[in-house]
Full PDB file with SEQRES, HELIX, SHEET, SSBOND, CRYST1, ORIGX, SCALE, CONECT and MASTER records, all heavy atoms in Angstrom:
SEQRES   1 A   31  GLY ASP MET THR GLY PHE TRP GLU SER ILE ASP THR ASN          
SEQRES   2 A   31  ARG HIS GLU VAL PHE ASP ILE SER ASP ILE ALA HIS GLY          
SEQRES   3 A   31  GLU THR GLN GLY SER                                          
HELIX    1 AA1 MET A    3  SER A    9  1                                   7    
HELIX    2 AA2 SER A   21  ILE A   23  5                                   3    
HELIX    3 AA3 GLY A   26  GLN A   29  1                                   4    
CRYST1    1.000    1.000    1.000  90.00  90.00  90.00 P 1           1          
ORIGX1      1.000000  0.000000  0.000000        0.00000                         
ORIGX2      0.000000  1.000000  0.000000        0.00000                         
ORIGX3      0.000000  0.000000  1.000000        0.00000                         
SCALE1      1.000000  0.000000  0.000000        0.00000                         
SCALE2      0.000000  1.000000  0.000000        0.00000                         
SCALE3      0.000000  0.000000  1.000000        0.00000                         
ATOM      1  N   GLY A   1       0.830  -1.201   0.000  1.00  0.00           N  
ATOM      2  CA  GLY A   1       0.000   0.000   0.000  1.00  0.00           C  
ATOM      3  C   GLY A   1       0.861   1.246   0.000  1.00  0.00           C  
ATOM      4  O   GLY A   1       1.880   1.297  -0.676  1.00  0.00           O  
ATOM      5  N   ASP A   2       0.481   2.212   0.816  1.00  0.00           N  
ATOM      6  CA  ASP A   2       1.166   3.502   0.828  1.00  0.00           C  
ATOM      7  C   ASP A   2       1.553   3.890   2.254  1.00  0.00           C  
ATOM      8  O   ASP A   2       0.988   4.811   2.834  1.00  0.00           O  
ATOM      9  CB  ASP A   2       0.272   4.571   0.197  1.00  0.00           C  
ATOM     10  CG  ASP A   2       0.988   5.916   0.052  1.00  0.00           C  
ATOM     11  OD1 ASP A   2       2.233   5.951   0.139  1.00  0.00           O  
ATOM     12  OD2 ASP A   2       0.290   6.928  -0.141  1.00  0.00           O  
ATOM     13  N   MET A   3       2.519   3.191   2.808  1.00  0.00           N  
ATOM     14  CA  MET A   3       2.983   3.504   4.157  1.00  0.00           C  
ATOM     15  C   MET A   3       3.715   4.841   4.196  1.00  0.00           C  
ATOM     16  O   MET A   3       3.615   5.576   5.178  1.00  0.00           O  
ATOM     17  CB  MET A   3       3.870   2.384   4.687  1.00  0.00           C  
ATOM     18  CG  MET A   3       3.108   1.125   5.052  1.00  0.00           C  
ATOM     19  SD  MET A   3       1.903   1.380   6.381  1.00  0.00           S  
ATOM     20  CE  MET A   3       2.988   1.579   7.791  1.00  0.00           C  
ATOM     21  N   THR A   4       4.441   5.171   3.137  1.00  0.00           N  
ATOM     22  CA  THR A   4       5.133   6.459   3.102  1.00  0.00           C  
ATOM     23  C   THR A   4       4.120   7.599   3.148  1.00  0.00           C  
ATOM     24  O   THR A   4       4.299   8.568   3.889  1.00  0.00           O  
ATOM     25  CB  THR A   4       6.015   6.573   1.851  1.00  0.00           C  
ATOM     26  OG1 THR A   4       6.962   5.494   1.860  1.00  0.00           O  
ATOM     27  CG2 THR A   4       6.750   7.891   1.801  1.00  0.00           C  
ATOM     28  N   GLY A   5       3.045   7.471   2.380  1.00  0.00           N  
ATOM     29  CA  GLY A   5       1.988   8.479   2.416  1.00  0.00           C  
ATOM     30  C   GLY A   5       1.362   8.595   3.793  1.00  0.00           C  
ATOM     31  O   GLY A   5       1.067   9.699   4.269  1.00  0.00           O  
ATOM     32  N   PHE A   6       1.152   7.448   4.429  1.00  0.00           N  
ATOM     33  CA  PHE A   6       0.620   7.452   5.802  1.00  0.00           C  
ATOM     34  C   PHE A   6       1.569   8.196   6.731  1.00  0.00           C  
ATOM     35  O   PHE A   6       1.160   9.081   7.488  1.00  0.00           O  
ATOM     36  CB  PHE A   6       0.391   6.018   6.288  1.00  0.00           C  
ATOM     37  CG  PHE A   6       0.417   5.871   7.780  1.00  0.00           C  
ATOM     38  CD1 PHE A   6      -0.547   6.473   8.573  1.00  0.00           C  
ATOM     39  CD2 PHE A   6       1.425   5.144   8.399  1.00  0.00           C  
ATOM     40  CE1 PHE A   6      -0.512   6.351   9.961  1.00  0.00           C  
ATOM     41  CE2 PHE A   6       1.467   5.020   9.775  1.00  0.00           C  
ATOM     42  CZ  PHE A   6       0.500   5.620  10.555  1.00  0.00           C  
ATOM     43  N   TRP A   7       2.858   7.858   6.678  1.00  0.00           N  
ATOM     44  CA  TRP A   7       3.860   8.489   7.535  1.00  0.00           C  
ATOM     45  C   TRP A   7       3.870  10.000   7.314  1.00  0.00           C  
ATOM     46  O   TRP A   7       3.885  10.787   8.254  1.00  0.00           O  
ATOM     47  CB  TRP A   7       5.222   7.862   7.276  1.00  0.00           C  
ATOM     48  CG  TRP A   7       6.371   8.547   7.950  1.00  0.00           C  
ATOM     49  CD1 TRP A   7       7.390   9.233   7.341  1.00  0.00           C  
ATOM     50  CD2 TRP A   7       6.640   8.625   9.359  1.00  0.00           C  
ATOM     51  NE1 TRP A   7       8.262   9.726   8.278  1.00  0.00           N  
ATOM     52  CE2 TRP A   7       7.820   9.369   9.530  1.00  0.00           C  
ATOM     53  CE3 TRP A   7       5.982   8.152  10.484  1.00  0.00           C  
ATOM     54  CZ2 TRP A   7       8.369   9.634  10.778  1.00  0.00           C  
ATOM     55  CZ3 TRP A   7       6.536   8.414  11.737  1.00  0.00           C  
ATOM     56  CH2 TRP A   7       7.708   9.145  11.871  1.00  0.00           C  
ATOM     57  N   GLU A   8       3.835  10.412   6.073  1.00  0.00           N  
ATOM     58  CA  GLU A   8       3.882  11.839   5.745  1.00  0.00           C  
ATOM     59  C   GLU A   8       2.580  12.557   6.087  1.00  0.00           C  
ATOM     60  O   GLU A   8       2.562  13.781   6.181  1.00  0.00           O  
ATOM     61  CB  GLU A   8       4.230  12.021   4.268  1.00  0.00           C  
ATOM     62  CG  GLU A   8       5.653  11.581   3.960  1.00  0.00           C  
ATOM     63  CD  GLU A   8       5.980  11.551   2.478  1.00  0.00           C  
ATOM     64  OE1 GLU A   8       5.061  11.722   1.642  1.00  0.00           O  
ATOM     65  OE2 GLU A   8       7.162  11.334   2.158  1.00  0.00           O  
ATOM     66  N   SER A   9       1.494  11.816   6.309  1.00  0.00           N  
ATOM     67  CA  SER A   9       0.201  12.438   6.619  1.00  0.00           C  
ATOM     68  C   SER A   9       0.013  12.733   8.103  1.00  0.00           C  
ATOM     69  O   SER A   9      -0.968  13.383   8.478  1.00  0.00           O  
ATOM     70  CB  SER A   9      -0.943  11.531   6.149  1.00  0.00           C  
ATOM     71  OG  SER A   9      -1.098  10.409   7.019  1.00  0.00           O  
ATOM     72  N   ILE A  10       0.917  12.285   8.949  1.00  0.00           N  
ATOM     73  CA  ILE A  10       0.770  12.519  10.389  1.00  0.00           C  
ATOM     74  C   ILE A  10       0.859  14.024  10.665  1.00  0.00           C  
ATOM     75  O   ILE A  10       1.755  14.712  10.170  1.00  0.00           O  
ATOM     76  CB  ILE A  10       1.818  11.726  11.186  1.00  0.00           C  
ATOM     77  CG1 ILE A  10       1.559  10.219  11.013  1.00  0.00           C  
ATOM     78  CG2 ILE A  10       1.796  12.106  12.663  1.00  0.00           C  
ATOM     79  CD1 ILE A  10       2.617   9.338  11.612  1.00  0.00           C  
ATOM     80  N   ASP A  11      -0.076  14.529  11.428  1.00  0.00           N  
ATOM     81  CA  ASP A  11      -0.195  15.954  11.722  1.00  0.00           C  
ATOM     82  C   ASP A  11       0.983  16.408  12.596  1.00  0.00           C  
ATOM     83  O   ASP A  11       0.986  16.186  13.805  1.00  0.00           O  
ATOM     84  CB  ASP A  11      -1.528  16.208  12.430  1.00  0.00           C  
ATOM     85  CG  ASP A  11      -1.780  17.666  12.745  1.00  0.00           C  
ATOM     86  OD1 ASP A  11      -0.882  18.513  12.534  1.00  0.00           O  
ATOM     87  OD2 ASP A  11      -2.893  17.969  13.220  1.00  0.00           O  
ATOM     88  N   THR A  12       1.962  17.066  11.973  1.00  0.00           N  
ATOM     89  CA  THR A  12       3.160  17.488  12.707  1.00  0.00           C  
ATOM     90  C   THR A  12       2.917  18.737  13.556  1.00  0.00           C  
ATOM     91  O   THR A  12       3.777  19.109  14.348  1.00  0.00           O  
ATOM     92  CB  THR A  12       4.345  17.714  11.748  1.00  0.00           C  
ATOM     93  OG1 THR A  12       3.965  18.662  10.745  1.00  0.00           O  
ATOM     94  CG2 THR A  12       4.769  16.399  11.104  1.00  0.00           C  
ATOM     95  N   ASN A  13       1.778  19.384  13.409  1.00  0.00           N  
ATOM     96  CA  ASN A  13       1.424  20.455  14.340  1.00  0.00           C  
ATOM     97  C   ASN A  13       0.959  19.866  15.666  1.00  0.00           C  
ATOM     98  O   ASN A  13       1.147  20.480  16.715  1.00  0.00           O  
ATOM     99  CB  ASN A  13       0.323  21.349  13.759  1.00  0.00           C  
ATOM    100  CG  ASN A  13       0.819  22.174  12.597  1.00  0.00           C  
ATOM    101  OD1 ASN A  13       1.919  22.713  12.637  1.00  0.00           O  
ATOM    102  ND2 ASN A  13       0.021  22.252  11.548  1.00  0.00           N  
ATOM    103  N   ARG A  14       0.394  18.692  15.603  1.00  0.00           N  
ATOM    104  CA  ARG A  14      -0.129  18.033  16.801  1.00  0.00           C  
ATOM    105  C   ARG A  14       0.891  17.068  17.429  1.00  0.00           C  
ATOM    106  O   ARG A  14       0.936  16.911  18.646  1.00  0.00           O  
ATOM    107  CB  ARG A  14      -1.400  17.268  16.433  1.00  0.00           C  
ATOM    108  CG  ARG A  14      -2.068  16.610  17.601  1.00  0.00           C  
ATOM    109  CD  ARG A  14      -3.408  16.046  17.218  1.00  0.00           C  
ATOM    110  NE  ARG A  14      -4.057  15.465  18.385  1.00  0.00           N  
ATOM    111  CZ  ARG A  14      -5.279  15.010  18.385  1.00  0.00           C  
ATOM    112  NH1 ARG A  14      -6.022  15.066  17.299  1.00  0.00           N  
ATOM    113  NH2 ARG A  14      -5.799  14.496  19.488  1.00  0.00           N  
ATOM    114  N   HIS A  15       1.671  16.411  16.589  1.00  0.00           N  
ATOM    115  CA  HIS A  15       2.608  15.379  17.046  1.00  0.00           C  
ATOM    116  C   HIS A  15       4.014  15.679  16.536  1.00  0.00           C  
ATOM    117  O   HIS A  15       4.169  16.220  15.450  1.00  0.00           O  
ATOM    118  CB  HIS A  15       2.207  14.005  16.501  1.00  0.00           C  
ATOM    119  CG  HIS A  15       0.758  13.678  16.645  1.00  0.00           C  
ATOM    120  ND1 HIS A  15       0.156  13.443  17.859  1.00  0.00           N  
ATOM    121  CD2 HIS A  15      -0.229  13.547  15.721  1.00  0.00           C  
ATOM    122  CE1 HIS A  15      -1.132  13.173  17.678  1.00  0.00           C  
ATOM    123  NE2 HIS A  15      -1.387  13.241  16.377  1.00  0.00           N  
ATOM    124  N   GLU A  16       5.018  15.284  17.312  1.00  0.00           N  
ATOM    125  CA  GLU A  16       6.401  15.321  16.823  1.00  0.00           C  
ATOM    126  C   GLU A  16       6.699  13.980  16.182  1.00  0.00           C  
ATOM    127  O   GLU A  16       6.357  12.931  16.752  1.00  0.00           O  
ATOM    128  CB  GLU A  16       7.380  15.527  17.975  1.00  0.00           C  
ATOM    129  CG  GLU A  16       7.407  16.911  18.549  1.00  0.00           C  
ATOM    130  CD  GLU A  16       8.430  17.010  19.666  1.00  0.00           C  
ATOM    131  OE1 GLU A  16       8.238  16.340  20.708  1.00  0.00           O  
ATOM    132  OE2 GLU A  16       9.412  17.742  19.482  1.00  0.00           O  
ATOM    133  N   VAL A  17       7.327  14.003  15.015  1.00  0.00           N  
ATOM    134  CA  VAL A  17       7.663  12.757  14.334  1.00  0.00           C  
ATOM    135  C   VAL A  17       9.165  12.682  14.105  1.00  0.00           C  
ATOM    136  O   VAL A  17       9.817  13.688  13.811  1.00  0.00           O  
ATOM    137  CB  VAL A  17       6.898  12.600  13.001  1.00  0.00           C  
ATOM    138  CG1 VAL A  17       5.403  12.529  13.239  1.00  0.00           C  
ATOM    139  CG2 VAL A  17       7.221  13.717  12.037  1.00  0.00           C  
ATOM    140  N   PHE A  18       9.699  11.463  14.257  1.00  0.00           N  
ATOM    141  CA  PHE A  18      11.120  11.219  14.086  1.00  0.00           C  
ATOM    142  C   PHE A  18      11.299   9.940  13.280  1.00  0.00           C  
ATOM    143  O   PHE A  18      10.773   8.891  13.661  1.00  0.00           O  
ATOM    144  CB  PHE A  18      11.817  11.042  15.450  1.00  0.00           C  
ATOM    145  CG  PHE A  18      11.587  12.184  16.400  1.00  0.00           C  
ATOM    146  CD1 PHE A  18      10.526  12.156  17.295  1.00  0.00           C  
ATOM    147  CD2 PHE A  18      12.422  13.289  16.398  1.00  0.00           C  
ATOM    148  CE1 PHE A  18      10.302  13.207  18.180  1.00  0.00           C  
ATOM    149  CE2 PHE A  18      12.207  14.346  17.273  1.00  0.00           C  
ATOM    150  CZ  PHE A  18      11.148  14.307  18.172  1.00  0.00           C  
ATOM    151  N   ASP A  19      12.030  10.036  12.182  1.00  0.00           N  
ATOM    152  CA  ASP A  19      12.381   8.843  11.421  1.00  0.00           C  
ATOM    153  C   ASP A  19      13.599   8.231  12.105  1.00  0.00           C  
ATOM    154  O   ASP A  19      14.682   8.817  12.110  1.00  0.00           O  
ATOM    155  CB  ASP A  19      12.694   9.207   9.969  1.00  0.00           C  
ATOM    156  CG  ASP A  19      12.904   7.979   9.097  1.00  0.00           C  
ATOM    157  OD1 ASP A  19      13.471   6.973   9.585  1.00  0.00           O  
ATOM    158  OD2 ASP A  19      12.516   8.027   7.918  1.00  0.00           O  
ATOM    159  N   ILE A  20      13.408   7.073  12.722  1.00  0.00           N  
ATOM    160  CA  ILE A  20      14.485   6.412  13.464  1.00  0.00           C  
ATOM    161  C   ILE A  20      14.910   5.121  12.769  1.00  0.00           C  
ATOM    162  O   ILE A  20      15.403   4.189  13.418  1.00  0.00           O  
ATOM    163  CB  ILE A  20      14.076   6.149  14.931  1.00  0.00           C  
ATOM    164  CG1 ILE A  20      12.834   5.249  15.005  1.00  0.00           C  
ATOM    165  CG2 ILE A  20      13.862   7.458  15.672  1.00  0.00           C  
ATOM    166  CD1 ILE A  20      12.558   4.699  16.392  1.00  0.00           C  
ATOM    167  N   SER A  21      14.743   5.081  11.456  1.00  0.00           N  
ATOM    168  CA  SER A  21      15.051   3.874  10.694  1.00  0.00           C  
ATOM    169  C   SER A  21      16.479   3.408  10.913  1.00  0.00           C  
ATOM    170  O   SER A  21      16.752   2.204  10.960  1.00  0.00           O  
ATOM    171  CB  SER A  21      14.814   4.119   9.204  1.00  0.00           C  
ATOM    172  OG  SER A  21      13.477   4.487   8.973  1.00  0.00           O  
ATOM    173  N   ASP A  22      17.420   4.338  11.067  1.00  0.00           N  
ATOM    174  CA  ASP A  22      18.827   3.968  11.204  1.00  0.00           C  
ATOM    175  C   ASP A  22      19.133   3.217  12.493  1.00  0.00           C  
ATOM    176  O   ASP A  22      20.124   2.495  12.571  1.00  0.00           O  
ATOM    177  CB  ASP A  22      19.717   5.199  11.084  1.00  0.00           C  
ATOM    178  CG  ASP A  22      19.435   6.257  12.139  1.00  0.00           C  
ATOM    179  OD1 ASP A  22      18.268   6.404  12.557  1.00  0.00           O  
ATOM    180  OD2 ASP A  22      20.388   6.940  12.554  1.00  0.00           O  
ATOM    181  N   ILE A  23      18.262   3.335  13.503  1.00  0.00           N  
ATOM    182  CA  ILE A  23      18.490   2.600  14.754  1.00  0.00           C  
ATOM    183  C   ILE A  23      17.441   1.516  14.986  1.00  0.00           C  
ATOM    184  O   ILE A  23      17.447   0.858  16.023  1.00  0.00           O  
ATOM    185  CB  ILE A  23      18.544   3.532  15.983  1.00  0.00           C  
ATOM    186  CG1 ILE A  23      17.218   4.266  16.180  1.00  0.00           C  
ATOM    187  CG2 ILE A  23      19.720   4.484  15.874  1.00  0.00           C  
ATOM    188  CD1 ILE A  23      17.097   4.974  17.521  1.00  0.00           C  
ATOM    189  N   ALA A  24      16.548   1.340  14.028  1.00  0.00           N  
ATOM    190  CA  ALA A  24      15.493   0.339  14.201  1.00  0.00           C  
ATOM    191  C   ALA A  24      15.437  -0.563  12.971  1.00  0.00           C  
ATOM    192  O   ALA A  24      16.357  -1.332  12.746  1.00  0.00           O  
ATOM    193  CB  ALA A  24      14.159   1.009  14.507  1.00  0.00           C  
ATOM    194  N   HIS A  25      14.402  -0.462  12.157  1.00  0.00           N  
ATOM    195  CA  HIS A  25      14.161  -1.452  11.101  1.00  0.00           C  
ATOM    196  C   HIS A  25      14.842  -1.143   9.785  1.00  0.00           C  
ATOM    197  O   HIS A  25      14.553  -1.763   8.771  1.00  0.00           O  
ATOM    198  CB  HIS A  25      12.652  -1.613  10.893  1.00  0.00           C  
ATOM    199  CG  HIS A  25      12.288  -2.988  10.423  1.00  0.00           C  
ATOM    200  ND1 HIS A  25      10.996  -3.393  10.287  1.00  0.00           N  
ATOM    201  CD2 HIS A  25      13.025  -4.056  10.040  1.00  0.00           C  
ATOM    202  CE1 HIS A  25      10.946  -4.633   9.863  1.00  0.00           C  
ATOM    203  NE2 HIS A  25      12.167  -5.055   9.699  1.00  0.00           N  
ATOM    204  N   GLY A  26      15.736  -0.180   9.739  1.00  0.00           N  
ATOM    205  CA  GLY A  26      16.508   0.109   8.539  1.00  0.00           C  
ATOM    206  C   GLY A  26      15.769   0.981   7.548  1.00  0.00           C  
ATOM    207  O   GLY A  26      14.553   1.150   7.616  1.00  0.00           O  
ATOM    208  N   GLU A  27      16.535   1.538   6.628  1.00  0.00           N  
ATOM    209  CA  GLU A  27      15.981   2.486   5.655  1.00  0.00           C  
ATOM    210  C   GLU A  27      14.982   1.847   4.701  1.00  0.00           C  
ATOM    211  O   GLU A  27      14.026   2.489   4.283  1.00  0.00           O  
ATOM    212  CB  GLU A  27      17.110   3.147   4.872  1.00  0.00           C  
ATOM    213  CG  GLU A  27      17.976   4.069   5.703  1.00  0.00           C  
ATOM    214  CD  GLU A  27      17.220   5.222   6.335  1.00  0.00           C  
ATOM    215  OE1 GLU A  27      16.265   5.741   5.724  1.00  0.00           O  
ATOM    216  OE2 GLU A  27      17.572   5.605   7.461  1.00  0.00           O  
ATOM    217  N   THR A  28      15.175   0.596   4.327  1.00  0.00           N  
ATOM    218  CA  THR A  28      14.280  -0.039   3.366  1.00  0.00           C  
ATOM    219  C   THR A  28      12.887  -0.229   3.947  1.00  0.00           C  
ATOM    220  O   THR A  28      11.890   0.121   3.322  1.00  0.00           O  
ATOM    221  CB  THR A  28      14.844  -1.400   2.910  1.00  0.00           C  
ATOM    222  OG1 THR A  28      16.137  -1.185   2.370  1.00  0.00           O  
ATOM    223  CG2 THR A  28      13.952  -2.034   1.868  1.00  0.00           C  
ATOM    224  N   GLN A  29      12.801  -0.785   5.153  1.00  0.00           N  
ATOM    225  CA  GLN A  29      11.512  -0.991   5.813  1.00  0.00           C  
ATOM    226  C   GLN A  29      11.054   0.281   6.530  1.00  0.00           C  
ATOM    227  O   GLN A  29       9.917   0.680   6.419  1.00  0.00           O  
ATOM    228  CB  GLN A  29      11.578  -2.155   6.798  1.00  0.00           C  
ATOM    229  CG  GLN A  29      11.924  -3.482   6.163  1.00  0.00           C  
ATOM    230  CD  GLN A  29      10.911  -3.895   5.122  1.00  0.00           C  
ATOM    231  OE1 GLN A  29       9.708  -3.804   5.340  1.00  0.00           O  
ATOM    232  NE2 GLN A  29      11.386  -4.345   3.979  1.00  0.00           N  
ATOM    233  N   GLY A  30      11.935   0.847   7.299  1.00  0.00           N  
ATOM    234  CA  GLY A  30      11.661   2.104   7.977  1.00  0.00           C  
ATOM    235  C   GLY A  30      10.997   1.957   9.329  1.00  0.00           C  
ATOM    236  O   GLY A  30      10.268   1.003   9.590  1.00  0.00           O  
ATOM    237  N   SER A  31      11.286   2.924  10.194  1.00  0.00           N  
ATOM    238  CA  SER A  31      10.706   2.987  11.534  1.00  0.00           C  
ATOM    239  C   SER A  31      10.486   4.437  11.912  1.00  0.00           C  
ATOM    240  O   SER A  31      11.352   5.282  11.676  1.00  0.00           O  
ATOM    241  CB  SER A  31      11.647   2.350  12.561  1.00  0.00           C  
ATOM    242  OG  SER A  31      11.850   0.989  12.286  1.00  0.00           O  
TER     243      SER A  31                                                      
MASTER        0    0    0    3    0    0    0    6  242    1    0    3          
END                                                                             
């Protein structure tokens, strides 16, 4: 599906978001 679209749709005015792929599931899968 569209997990990247989901990730990018998170309201950053309401929530802080951090891409932690490098310390978790890696860049290909992402975290």
